[in-house]
Amino acid sequence: KVQFPCAANRRCSLGRCCPISELIHPWTTVTVYNKQNHSEYQRRTVWT
């Protein structure tokens, strides 16, 4: 589960966190790797 930092923008109401992904649709890249063997990994890039 990936959560994005809050953004400051007029489209966001005051007093709440407005994730960046509500203003832009970023490419999100997630990498899962074996802690003991970094050569074993999987990577996914999705359009959020």
All heavy atoms as atom14 arrays in JSON, in Angstrom:
{
  "sequence": "KVQFPCAANRRCSLGRCCPISELIHPWTTVTVYNKQNHSEYQRRTVWT",
  "atom14_mask": [
    [1, 1, 1, 1, 1, 1, 1, 1, 1, 0, 0, 0, 0, 0],
    [1, 1, 1, 1, 1, 1, 1, 0, 0, 0, 0, 0, 0, 0],
    [1, 1, 1, 1, 1, 1, 1, 1, 1, 0, 0, 0, 0, 0],
    [1, 1, 1, 1, 1, 1, 1, 1, 1, 1, 1, 0, 0, 0],
    [1, 1, 1, 1, 1, 1, 1, 0, 0, 0, 0, 0, 0, 0],
    [1, 1, 1, 1, 1, 1, 0, 0, 0, 0, 0, 0, 0, 0],
    [1, 1, 1, 1, 1, 0, 0, 0, 0, 0, 0, 0, 0, 0],
    [1, 1, 1, 1, 1, 0, 0, 0, 0, 0, 0, 0, 0, 0],
    [1, 1, 1, 1, 1, 1, 1, 1, 0, 0, 0, 0, 0, 0],
    [1, 1, 1, 1, 1, 1, 1, 1, 1, 1, 1, 0, 0, 0],
    [1, 1, 1, 1, 1, 1, 1, 1, 1, 1, 1, 0, 0, 0],
    [1, 1, 1, 1, 1, 1, 0, 0, 0, 0, 0, 0, 0, 0],
    [1, 1, 1, 1, 1, 1, 0, 0, 0, 0, 0, 0, 0, 0],
    [1, 1, 1, 1, 1, 1, 1, 1, 0, 0, 0, 0, 0, 0],
    [1, 1, 1, 1, 0, 0, 0, 0, 0, 0, 0, 0, 0, 0],
    [1, 1, 1, 1, 1, 1, 1, 1, 1, 1, 1, 0, 0, 0],
    [1, 1, 1, 1, 1, 1, 0, 0, 0, 0, 0, 0, 0, 0],
    [1, 1, 1, 1, 1, 1, 0, 0, 0, 0, 0, 0, 0, 0],
    [1, 1, 1, 1, 1, 1, 1, 0, 0, 0, 0, 0, 0, 0],
    [1, 1, 1, 1, 1, 1, 1, 1, 0, 0, 0, 0, 0, 0],
    [1, 1, 1, 1, 1, 1, 0, 0, 0, 0, 0, 0, 0, 0],
    [1, 1, 1, 1, 1, 1, 1, 1, 1, 0, 0, 0, 0, 0],
    [1, 1, 1, 1, 1, 1, 1, 1, 0, 0, 0, 0, 0, 0],
    [1, 1, 1, 1, 1, 1, 1, 1, 0, 0, 0, 0, 0, 0],
    [1, 1, 1, 1, 1, 1, 1, 1, 1, 1, 0, 0, 0, 0],
    [1, 1, 1, 1, 1, 1, 1, 0, 0, 0, 0, 0, 0, 0],
    [1, 1, 1, 1, 1, 1, 1, 1, 1, 1, 1, 1, 1, 1],
    [1, 1, 1, 1, 1, 1, 1, 0, 0, 0, 0, 0, 0, 0],
    [1, 1, 1, 1, 1, 1, 1, 0, 0, 0, 0, 0, 0, 0],
    [1, 1, 1, 1, 1, 1, 1, 0, 0, 0, 0, 0, 0, 0],
    [1, 1, 1, 1, 1, 1, 1, 0, 0, 0, 0, 0, 0, 0],
    [1, 1, 1, 1, 1, 1, 1, 0, 0, 0, 0, 0, 0, 0],
    [1, 1, 1, 1, 1, 1, 1, 1, 1, 1, 1, 1, 0, 0],
    [1, 1, 1, 1, 1, 1, 1, 1, 0, 0, 0, 0, 0, 0],
    [1, 1, 1, 1, 1, 1, 1, 1, 1, 0, 0, 0, 0, 0],
    [1, 1, 1, 1, 1, 1, 1, 1, 1, 0, 0, 0, 0, 0],
    [1, 1, 1, 1, 1, 1, 1, 1, 0, 0, 0, 0, 0, 0],
    [1, 1, 1, 1, 1, 1, 1, 1, 1, 1, 0, 0, 0, 0],
    [1, 1, 1, 1, 1, 1, 0, 0, 0, 0, 0, 0, 0, 0],
    [1, 1, 1, 1, 1, 1, 1, 1, 1, 0, 0, 0, 0, 0],
    [1, 1, 1, 1, 1, 1, 1, 1, 1, 1, 1, 1, 0, 0],
    [1, 1, 1, 1, 1, 1, 1, 1, 1, 0, 0, 0, 0, 0],
    [1, 1, 1, 1, 1, 1, 1, 1, 1, 1, 1, 0, 0, 0],
    [1, 1, 1, 1, 1, 1, 1, 1, 1, 1, 1, 0, 0, 0],
    [1, 1, 1, 1, 1, 1, 1, 0, 0, 0, 0, 0, 0, 0],
    [1, 1, 1, 1, 1, 1, 1, 0, 0, 0, 0, 0, 0, 0],
    [1, 1, 1, 1, 1, 1, 1, 1, 1, 1, 1, 1, 1, 1],
    [1, 1, 1, 1, 1, 1, 1, 0, 0, 0, 0, 0, 0, 0]
  ],
  "atom14_positions": [
    [[0.85, -1.19, 0.0], [0.0, 0.0, 0.0], [0.89, 1.24, 0.0], [1.74, 1.4, 0.87], [-0.92, -0.01, 1.22], [-1.82, 1.22, 1.35], [-2.65, 1.12, 2.62], [-3.52, 2.35, 2.83], [-4.31, 2.26, 4.09], [0.0, 0.0, 0.0], [0.0, 0.0, 0.0], [0.0, 0.0, 0.0], [0.0, 0.0, 0.0], [0.0, 0.0, 0.0]],
    [[0.7, 2.12, -0.98], [1.52, 3.32, -1.12], [0.66, 4.54, -0.84], [-0.4, 4.74, -1.46], [2.12, 3.42, -2.54], [3.03, 4.64, -2.64], [2.88, 2.15, -2.9], [0.0, 0.0, 0.0], [0.0, 0.0, 0.0], [0.0, 0.0, 0.0], [0.0, 0.0, 0.0], [0.0, 0.0, 0.0], [0.0, 0.0, 0.0], [0.0, 0.0, 0.0]],
    [[1.11, 5.36, 0.1], [0.42, 6.6, 0.43], [1.32, 7.78, 0.08], [2.53, 7.75, 0.33], [0.05, 6.64, 1.92], [-1.02, 5.61, 2.29], [-1.38, 5.66, 3.76], [-0.58, 5.33, 4.62], [-2.61, 6.07, 4.04], [0.0, 0.0, 0.0], [0.0, 0.0, 0.0], [0.0, 0.0, 0.0], [0.0, 0.0, 0.0], [0.0, 0.0, 0.0]],
    [[0.71, 8.84, -0.47], [1.47, 9.95, -1.02], [1.48, 11.14, -0.05], [0.56, 11.3, 0.76], [0.88, 10.36, -2.37], [0.88, 9.25, -3.38], [-0.19, 8.36, -3.47], [1.97, 9.06, -4.2], [-0.18, 7.33, -4.39], [1.99, 8.02, -5.12], [0.92, 7.16, -5.22], [0.0, 0.0, 0.0], [0.0, 0.0, 0.0], [0.0, 0.0, 0.0]],
    [[2.51, 12.0, -0.16], [2.55, 13.17, 0.74], [1.43, 14.16, 0.42], [0.84, 14.15, -0.66], [3.94, 13.77, 0.43], [4.31, 13.25, -0.91], [3.69, 11.91, -1.04], [0.0, 0.0, 0.0], [0.0, 0.0, 0.0], [0.0, 0.0, 0.0], [0.0, 0.0, 0.0], [0.0, 0.0, 0.0], [0.0, 0.0, 0.0], [0.0, 0.0, 0.0]],
    [[1.16, 15.0, 1.39], [0.1, 16.0, 1.23], [0.6, 17.15, 0.35], [1.78, 17.51, 0.36], [-0.32, 16.54, 2.59], [-0.9, 15.27, 3.73], [0.0, 0.0, 0.0], [0.0, 0.0, 0.0], [0.0, 0.0, 0.0], [0.0, 0.0, 0.0], [0.0, 0.0, 0.0], [0.0, 0.0, 0.0], [0.0, 0.0, 0.0], [0.0, 0.0, 0.0]],
    [[-0.32, 17.74, -0.39], [0.01, 18.86, -1.28], [-0.7, 20.12, -0.81], [-1.73, 20.07, -0.14], [-0.41, 18.53, -2.71], [0.0, 0.0, 0.0], [0.0, 0.0, 0.0], [0.0, 0.0, 0.0], [0.0, 0.0, 0.0], [0.0, 0.0, 0.0], [0.0, 0.0, 0.0], [0.0, 0.0, 0.0], [0.0, 0.0, 0.0], [0.0, 0.0, 0.0]],
    [[-0.11, 21.26, -1.19], [-0.73, 22.55, -0.89], [-1.28, 23.11, -2.19], [-0.51, 23.42, -3.11], [0.3, 23.51, -0.3], [0.0, 0.0, 0.0], [0.0, 0.0, 0.0], [0.0, 0.0, 0.0], [0.0, 0.0, 0.0], [0.0, 0.0, 0.0], [0.0, 0.0, 0.0], [0.0, 0.0, 0.0], [0.0, 0.0, 0.0], [0.0, 0.0, 0.0]],
    [[-2.59, 23.21, -2.29], [-3.21, 23.66, -3.53], [-4.61, 24.17, -3.25], [-5.26, 23.73, -2.3], [-3.25, 22.49, -4.52], [-3.67, 22.93, -5.91], [-4.84, 22.93, -6.23], [-2.7, 23.33, -6.73], [0.0, 0.0, 0.0], [0.0, 0.0, 0.0], [0.0, 0.0, 0.0], [0.0, 0.0, 0.0], [0.0, 0.0, 0.0], [0.0, 0.0, 0.0]],
    [[-5.08, 25.08, -4.1], [-6.4, 25.68, -3.87], [-7.52, 24.68, -4.12], [-8.66, 24.91, -3.73], [-6.57, 26.9, -4.77], [-6.74, 26.59, -6.25], [-6.81, 27.87, -7.05], [-7.05, 27.62, -8.47], [-6.98, 28.56, -9.39], [-6.68, 29.8, -9.04], [-7.2, 28.27, -10.67], [0.0, 0.0, 0.0], [0.0, 0.0, 0.0], [0.0, 0.0, 0.0]],
    [[-7.25, 23.57, -4.82], [-8.27, 22.57, -5.03], [-8.46, 21.68, -3.8], [-9.34, 20.83, -3.78], [-7.9, 21.7, -6.24], [-8.1, 22.41, -7.56], [-7.28, 21.81, -8.68], [-7.49, 20.38, -8.81], [-6.78, 19.62, -9.65], [-5.84, 20.17, -10.39], [-7.01, 18.33, -9.73], [0.0, 0.0, 0.0], [0.0, 0.0, 0.0], [0.0, 0.0, 0.0]],
    [[-7.64, 21.87, -2.79], [-7.75, 21.07, -1.56], [-8.36, 21.94, -0.47], [-7.98, 23.09, -0.29], [-6.38, 20.57, -1.11], [-5.52, 19.59, -2.35], [0.0, 0.0, 0.0], [0.0, 0.0, 0.0], [0.0, 0.0, 0.0], [0.0, 0.0, 0.0], [0.0, 0.0, 0.0], [0.0, 0.0, 0.0], [0.0, 0.0, 0.0], [0.0, 0.0, 0.0]],
    [[-9.29, 21.36, 0.26], [-9.91, 22.1, 1.35], [-8.91, 22.22, 2.5], [-8.06, 21.36, 2.71], [-11.18, 21.38, 1.82], [-10.87, 20.08, 2.28], [0.0, 0.0, 0.0], [0.0, 0.0, 0.0], [0.0, 0.0, 0.0], [0.0, 0.0, 0.0], [0.0, 0.0, 0.0], [0.0, 0.0, 0.0], [0.0, 0.0, 0.0], [0.0, 0.0, 0.0]],
    [[-9.06, 23.3, 3.25], [-8.16, 23.54, 4.37], [-8.44, 22.56, 5.5], [-9.57, 22.11, 5.69], [-8.33, 24.98, 4.88], [-7.95, 26.1, 3.89], [-8.25, 27.46, 4.51], [-6.48, 26.0, 3.52], [0.0, 0.0, 0.0], [0.0, 0.0, 0.0], [0.0, 0.0, 0.0], [0.0, 0.0, 0.0], [0.0, 0.0, 0.0], [0.0, 0.0, 0.0]],
    [[-7.41, 22.22, 6.23], [-7.58, 21.37, 7.4], [-7.54, 19.89, 7.12], [-7.75, 19.08, 8.03], [0.0, 0.0, 0.0], [0.0, 0.0, 0.0], [0.0, 0.0, 0.0], [0.0, 0.0, 0.0], [0.0, 0.0, 0.0], [0.0, 0.0, 0.0], [0.0, 0.0, 0.0], [0.0, 0.0, 0.0], [0.0, 0.0, 0.0], [0.0, 0.0, 0.0]],
    [[-7.28, 19.47, 5.9], [-7.17, 18.04, 5.62], [-5.99, 17.79, 4.7], [-5.55, 18.68, 3.97], [-8.45, 17.5, 4.97], [-8.6, 17.78, 3.49], [-9.8, 17.08, 2.9], [-9.92, 17.28, 1.46], [-9.42, 16.45, 0.56], [-8.76, 15.37, 0.95], [-9.58, 16.67, -0.74], [0.0, 0.0, 0.0], [0.0, 0.0, 0.0], [0.0, 0.0, 0.0]],
    [[-5.49, 16.57, 4.75], [-4.4, 16.19, 3.87], [-4.95, 15.95, 2.47], [-5.91, 15.2, 2.28], [-3.71, 14.92, 4.38], [-2.46, 14.26, 3.25], [0.0, 0.0, 0.0], [0.0, 0.0, 0.0], [0.0, 0.0, 0.0], [0.0, 0.0, 0.0], [0.0, 0.0, 0.0], [0.0, 0.0, 0.0], [0.0, 0.0, 0.0], [0.0, 0.0, 0.0]],
    [[-4.35, 16.6, 1.51], [-4.74, 16.43, 0.11], [-3.59, 15.71, -0.59], [-2.59, 16.33, -0.94], [-4.98, 17.79, -0.52], [-5.64, 17.7, -2.18], [0.0, 0.0, 0.0], [0.0, 0.0, 0.0], [0.0, 0.0, 0.0], [0.0, 0.0, 0.0], [0.0, 0.0, 0.0], [0.0, 0.0, 0.0], [0.0, 0.0, 0.0], [0.0, 0.0, 0.0]],
    [[-3.68, 14.39, -0.77], [-2.56, 13.65, -1.38], [-2.23, 14.18, -2.78], [-3.11, 14.61, -3.53], [-3.08, 12.21, -1.45], [-4.17, 12.14, -0.44], [-4.8, 13.5, -0.43], [0.0, 0.0, 0.0], [0.0, 0.0, 0.0], [0.0, 0.0, 0.0], [0.0, 0.0, 0.0], [0.0, 0.0, 0.0], [0.0, 0.0, 0.0], [0.0, 0.0, 0.0]],
    [[-0.97, 14.15, -3.1], [-0.52, 14.61, -4.41], [-1.25, 13.89, -5.53], [-1.55, 14.47, -6.58], [1.01, 14.42, -4.53], [1.72, 15.52, -3.75], [1.48, 14.41, -5.98], [3.22, 15.41, -3.75], [0.0, 0.0, 0.0], [0.0, 0.0, 0.0], [0.0, 0.0, 0.0], [0.0, 0.0, 0.0], [0.0, 0.0, 0.0], [0.0, 0.0, 0.0]],
    [[-1.57, 12.62, -5.31], [-2.23, 11.83, -6.35], [-3.64, 12.31, -6.66], [-4.24, 11.87, -7.64], [-2.26, 10.36, -5.94], [-2.84, 10.2, -4.66], [0.0, 0.0, 0.0], [0.0, 0.0, 0.0], [0.0, 0.0, 0.0], [0.0, 0.0, 0.0], [0.0, 0.0, 0.0], [0.0, 0.0, 0.0], [0.0, 0.0, 0.0], [0.0, 0.0, 0.0]],
    [[-4.19, 13.22, -5.84], [-5.49, 13.82, -6.17], [-5.34, 14.98, -7.15], [-6.32, 15.39, -7.77], [-6.2, 14.3, -4.9], [-6.7, 13.18, -4.0], [-7.55, 13.69, -2.85], [-7.8, 14.92, -2.82], [-7.94, 12.89, -2.0], [0.0, 0.0, 0.0], [0.0, 0.0, 0.0], [0.0, 0.0, 0.0], [0.0, 0.0, 0.0], [0.0, 0.0, 0.0]],
    [[-4.12, 15.51, -7.28], [-3.88, 16.65, -8.15], [-3.18, 16.26, -9.44], [-3.42, 16.83, -10.5], [-3.03, 17.71, -7.42], [-3.6, 18.17, -6.08], [-2.66, 19.18, -5.43], [-4.97, 18.78, -6.27], [0.0, 0.0, 0.0], [0.0, 0.0, 0.0], [0.0, 0.0, 0.0], [0.0, 0.0, 0.0], [0.0, 0.0, 0.0], [0.0, 0.0, 0.0]],
    [[-2.28, 15.31, -9.35], [-1.63, 14.75, -10.53], [-1.78, 13.23, -10.46], [-2.04, 12.68, -9.39], [-0.14, 15.14, -10.6], [0.63, 14.59, -9.39], [0.01, 16.66, -10.68], [2.13, 14.79, -9.46], [0.0, 0.0, 0.0], [0.0, 0.0, 0.0], [0.0, 0.0, 0.0], [0.0, 0.0, 0.0], [0.0, 0.0, 0.0], [0.0, 0.0, 0.0]],
    [[-1.64, 12.56, -11.58], [-1.71, 11.1, -11.62], [-0.3, 10.56, -11.86], [0.12, 10.38, -13.01], [-2.67, 10.63, -12.72], [-4.09, 11.01, -12.45], [-5.04, 11.11, -13.44], [-4.73, 11.32, -11.29], [-6.2, 11.46, -12.92], [-6.03, 11.59, -11.61], [0.0, 0.0, 0.0], [0.0, 0.0, 0.0], [0.0, 0.0, 0.0], [0.0, 0.0, 0.0]],
    [[0.44, 10.31, -10.79], [1.86, 9.97, -10.94], [2.08, 8.53, -11.37], [1.21, 7.67, -11.22], [2.41, 10.21, -9.53], [1.25, 9.91, -8.63], [0.03, 10.38, -9.37], [0.0, 0.0, 0.0], [0.0, 0.0, 0.0], [0.0, 0.0, 0.0], [0.0, 0.0, 0.0], [0.0, 0.0, 0.0], [0.0, 0.0, 0.0], [0.0, 0.0, 0.0]],
    [[3.26, 8.28, -11.91], [3.73, 6.91, -12.09], [4.32, 6.45, -10.77], [5.2, 7.1, -10.22], [4.79, 6.85, -13.19], [4.25, 7.08, -14.57], [4.37, 8.21, -15.33], [3.48, 6.15, -15.35], [3.74, 8.05, -16.54], [3.18, 6.79, -16.58], [3.03, 4.85, -15.13], [2.45, 6.18, -17.58], [2.3, 4.24, -16.14], [2.01, 4.89, -17.34]],
    [[3.83, 5.33, -10.28], [4.28, 4.8, -8.99], [5.04, 3.5, -9.24], [4.53, 2.58, -9.87], [3.09, 4.53, -8.06], [2.32, 5.73, -7.92], [3.56, 4.08, -6.68], [0.0, 0.0, 0.0], [0.0, 0.0, 0.0], [0.0, 0.0, 0.0], [0.0, 0.0, 0.0], [0.0, 0.0, 0.0], [0.0, 0.0, 0.0], [0.0, 0.0, 0.0]],
    [[6.27, 3.46, -8.75], [7.11, 2.27, -8.92], [7.36, 1.64, -7.56], [7.81, 2.3, -6.63], [8.46, 2.65, -9.56], [8.23, 3.23, -10.85], [9.34, 1.41, -9.73], [0.0, 0.0, 0.0], [0.0, 0.0, 0.0], [0.0, 0.0, 0.0], [0.0, 0.0, 0.0], [0.0, 0.0, 0.0], [0.0, 0.0, 0.0], [0.0, 0.0, 0.0]],
    [[7.03, 0.35, -7.45], [7.21, -0.41, -6.21], [8.18, -1.56, -6.49], [8.03, -2.29, -7.48], [5.87, -0.97, -5.69], [6.09, -1.75, -4.39], [4.88, 0.16, -5.47], [0.0, 0.0, 0.0], [0.0, 0.0, 0.0], [0.0, 0.0, 0.0], [0.0, 0.0, 0.0], [0.0, 0.0, 0.0], [0.0, 0.0, 0.0], [0.0, 0.0, 0.0]],
    [[9.16, -1.7, -5.63], [10.14, -2.78, -5.75], [10.1, -3.63, -4.49], [10.16, -3.11, -3.37], [11.56, -2.22, -5.94], [11.58, -1.37, -7.09], [12.57, -3.35, -6.12], [0.0, 0.0, 0.0], [0.0, 0.0, 0.0], [0.0, 0.0, 0.0], [0.0, 0.0, 0.0], [0.0, 0.0, 0.0], [0.0, 0.0, 0.0], [0.0, 0.0, 0.0]],
    [[9.98, -4.94, -4.68], [10.03, -5.91, -3.57], [11.28, -6.75, -3.77], [11.49, -7.33, -4.84], [8.77, -6.8, -3.55], [8.91, -7.92, -2.54], [7.54, -5.96, -3.24], [0.0, 0.0, 0.0], [0.0, 0.0, 0.0], [0.0, 0.0, 0.0], [0.0, 0.0, 0.0], [0.0, 0.0, 0.0], [0.0, 0.0, 0.0], [0.0, 0.0, 0.0]],
    [[12.12, -6.82, -2.75], [13.39, -7.53, -2.87], [13.63, -8.42, -1.66], [13.09, -8.18, -0.57], [14.56, -6.55, -3.05], [14.75, -5.59, -1.9], [15.59, -5.9, -0.82], [14.09, -4.36, -1.88], [15.76, -5.03, 0.23], [14.25, -3.48, -0.82], [15.1, -3.82, 0.23], [15.26, -2.96, 1.29], [0.0, 0.0, 0.0], [0.0, 0.0, 0.0]],
    [[14.44, -9.45, -1.89], [14.83, -10.36, -0.82], [15.91, -9.68, 0.02], [16.94, -9.26, -0.51], [15.35, -11.67, -1.42], [15.54, -12.75, -0.36], [16.0, -12.49, 0.74], [15.2, -13.98, -0.71], [0.0, 0.0, 0.0], [0.0, 0.0, 0.0], [0.0, 0.0, 0.0], [0.0, 0.0, 0.0], [0.0, 0.0, 0.0], [0.0, 0.0, 0.0]],
    [[15.66, -9.56, 1.3], [16.59, -8.83, 2.16], [17.95, -9.5, 2.23], [18.98, -8.81, 2.37], [15.98, -8.71, 3.57], [16.72, -7.74, 4.48], [15.99, -7.57, 5.8], [16.68, -6.56, 6.7], [15.96, -6.39, 8.0], [0.0, 0.0, 0.0], [0.0, 0.0, 0.0], [0.0, 0.0, 0.0], [0.0, 0.0, 0.0], [0.0, 0.0, 0.0]],
    [[18.0, -10.83, 2.13], [19.27, -11.55, 2.19], [19.92, -11.68, 0.82], [21.11, -11.96, 0.71], [19.07, -12.96, 2.78], [18.83, -12.99, 4.29], [17.44, -12.54, 4.69], [16.48, -12.76, 3.95], [17.34, -11.88, 5.83], [0.0, 0.0, 0.0], [0.0, 0.0, 0.0], [0.0, 0.0, 0.0], [0.0, 0.0, 0.0], [0.0, 0.0, 0.0]],
    [[19.14, -11.5, -0.24], [19.66, -11.66, -1.59], [19.03, -10.6, -2.49], [17.96, -10.8, -3.06], [19.35, -13.07, -2.12], [19.87, -13.29, -3.52], [20.68, -12.52, -4.03], [19.38, -14.34, -4.18], [0.0, 0.0, 0.0], [0.0, 0.0, 0.0], [0.0, 0.0, 0.0], [0.0, 0.0, 0.0], [0.0, 0.0, 0.0], [0.0, 0.0, 0.0]],
    [[19.69, -9.44, -2.6], [19.12, -8.3, -3.31], [18.97, -8.56, -4.81], [18.27, -7.81, -5.5], [19.96, -7.05, -3.08], [19.79, -6.47, -1.71], [20.09, -5.16, -1.4], [19.33, -7.03, -0.56], [19.83, -4.93, -0.11], [19.38, -6.06, 0.42], [0.0, 0.0, 0.0], [0.0, 0.0, 0.0], [0.0, 0.0, 0.0], [0.0, 0.0, 0.0]],
    [[19.65, -9.57, -5.34], [19.5, -9.88, -6.76], [18.13, -10.51, -7.06], [17.71, -10.57, -8.21], [20.61, -10.83, -7.22], [20.53, -12.07, -6.52], [0.0, 0.0, 0.0], [0.0, 0.0, 0.0], [0.0, 0.0, 0.0], [0.0, 0.0, 0.0], [0.0, 0.0, 0.0], [0.0, 0.0, 0.0], [0.0, 0.0, 0.0], [0.0, 0.0, 0.0]],
    [[17.44, -10.97, -6.02], [16.08, -11.49, -6.18], [15.1, -10.36, -5.86], [14.95, -9.95, -4.71], [15.82, -12.67, -5.25], [14.41, -13.24, -5.39], [14.03, -14.18, -4.25], [14.94, -14.61, -3.49], [12.83, -14.47, -4.1], [0.0, 0.0, 0.0], [0.0, 0.0, 0.0], [0.0, 0.0, 0.0], [0.0, 0.0, 0.0], [0.0, 0.0, 0.0]],
    [[14.46, -9.85, -6.89], [13.52, -8.75, -6.68], [12.44, -8.76, -7.77], [12.6, -9.37, -8.82], [14.25, -7.4, -6.68], [14.81, -6.99, -8.01], [14.07, -6.23, -8.91], [16.1, -7.37, -8.37], [14.58, -5.86, -10.13], [16.63, -7.0, -9.6], [15.86, -6.25, -10.47], [16.37, -5.89, -11.69], [0.0, 0.0, 0.0], [0.0, 0.0, 0.0]],
    [[11.35, -8.08, -7.48], [10.28, -7.86, -8.44], [9.96, -6.37, -8.44], [10.0, -5.71, -7.38], [9.01, -8.65, -8.08], [9.2, -10.16, -8.08], [7.89, -10.88, -7.77], [6.83, -10.54, -8.29], [7.96, -11.88, -6.91], [0.0, 0.0, 0.0], [0.0, 0.0, 0.0], [0.0, 0.0, 0.0], [0.0, 0.0, 0.0], [0.0, 0.0, 0.0]],
    [[9.6, -5.83, -9.6], [9.31, -4.4, -9.7], [8.06, -4.2, -10.55], [7.88, -4.82, -11.58], [10.5, -3.66, -10.32], [10.31, -2.15, -10.46], [11.63, -1.49, -10.85], [12.61, -1.62, -9.78], [13.93, -1.67, -9.98], [14.41, -1.62, -11.21], [14.74, -1.78, -8.94], [0.0, 0.0, 0.0], [0.0, 0.0, 0.0], [0.0, 0.0, 0.0]],
    [[7.19, -3.31, -10.07], [5.97, -2.97, -10.78], [5.87, -1.43, -10.85], [6.12, -0.74, -9.88], [4.73, -3.51, -10.07], [4.72, -5.01, -9.85], [4.19, -5.76, -11.05], [3.98, -7.16, -10.73], [4.92, -8.08, -10.72], [6.17, -7.75, -11.02], [4.64, -9.34, -10.42], [0.0, 0.0, 0.0], [0.0, 0.0, 0.0], [0.0, 0.0, 0.0]],
    [[5.48, -0.94, -12.03], [5.2, 0.48, -12.21], [3.75, 0.63, -12.66], [3.35, 0.03, -13.67], [6.15, 1.11, -13.24], [7.5, 1.0, -12.78], [5.83, 2.59, -13.43], [0.0, 0.0, 0.0], [0.0, 0.0, 0.0], [0.0, 0.0, 0.0], [0.0, 0.0, 0.0], [0.0, 0.0, 0.0], [0.0, 0.0, 0.0], [0.0, 0.0, 0.0]],
    [[2.98, 1.4, -11.93], [1.56, 1.57, -12.22], [1.23, 3.05, -12.33], [1.91, 3.91, -11.75], [0.68, 0.91, -11.14], [0.91, -0.58, -11.08], [0.95, 1.54, -9.76], [0.0, 0.0, 0.0], [0.0, 0.0, 0.0], [0.0, 0.0, 0.0], [0.0, 0.0, 0.0], [0.0, 0.0, 0.0], [0.0, 0.0, 0.0], [0.0, 0.0, 0.0]],
    [[0.2, 3.34, -13.09], [-0.29, 4.71, -13.21], [-1.37, 4.91, -12.16], [-2.43, 4.3, -12.21], [-0.85, 4.94, -14.61], [-1.24, 6.36, -14.88], [-0.65, 7.49, -14.4], [-2.33, 6.81, -15.69], [-1.29, 8.61, -14.87], [-2.32, 8.23, -15.67], [-3.29, 6.15, -16.45], [-3.25, 8.99, -16.36], [-4.22, 6.91, -17.15], [-4.2, 8.32, -17.11]],
    [[-1.08, 5.75, -11.19], [-1.96, 5.92, -10.04], [-3.01, 6.99, -10.33], [-2.68, 8.12, -10.68], [-1.16, 6.31, -8.79], [-0.18, 5.31, -8.53], [-2.08, 6.46, -7.59], [0.0, 0.0, 0.0], [0.0, 0.0, 0.0], [0.0, 0.0, 0.0], [0.0, 0.0, 0.0], [0.0, 0.0, 0.0], [0.0, 0.0, 0.0], [0.0, 0.0, 0.0]]
  ]
}
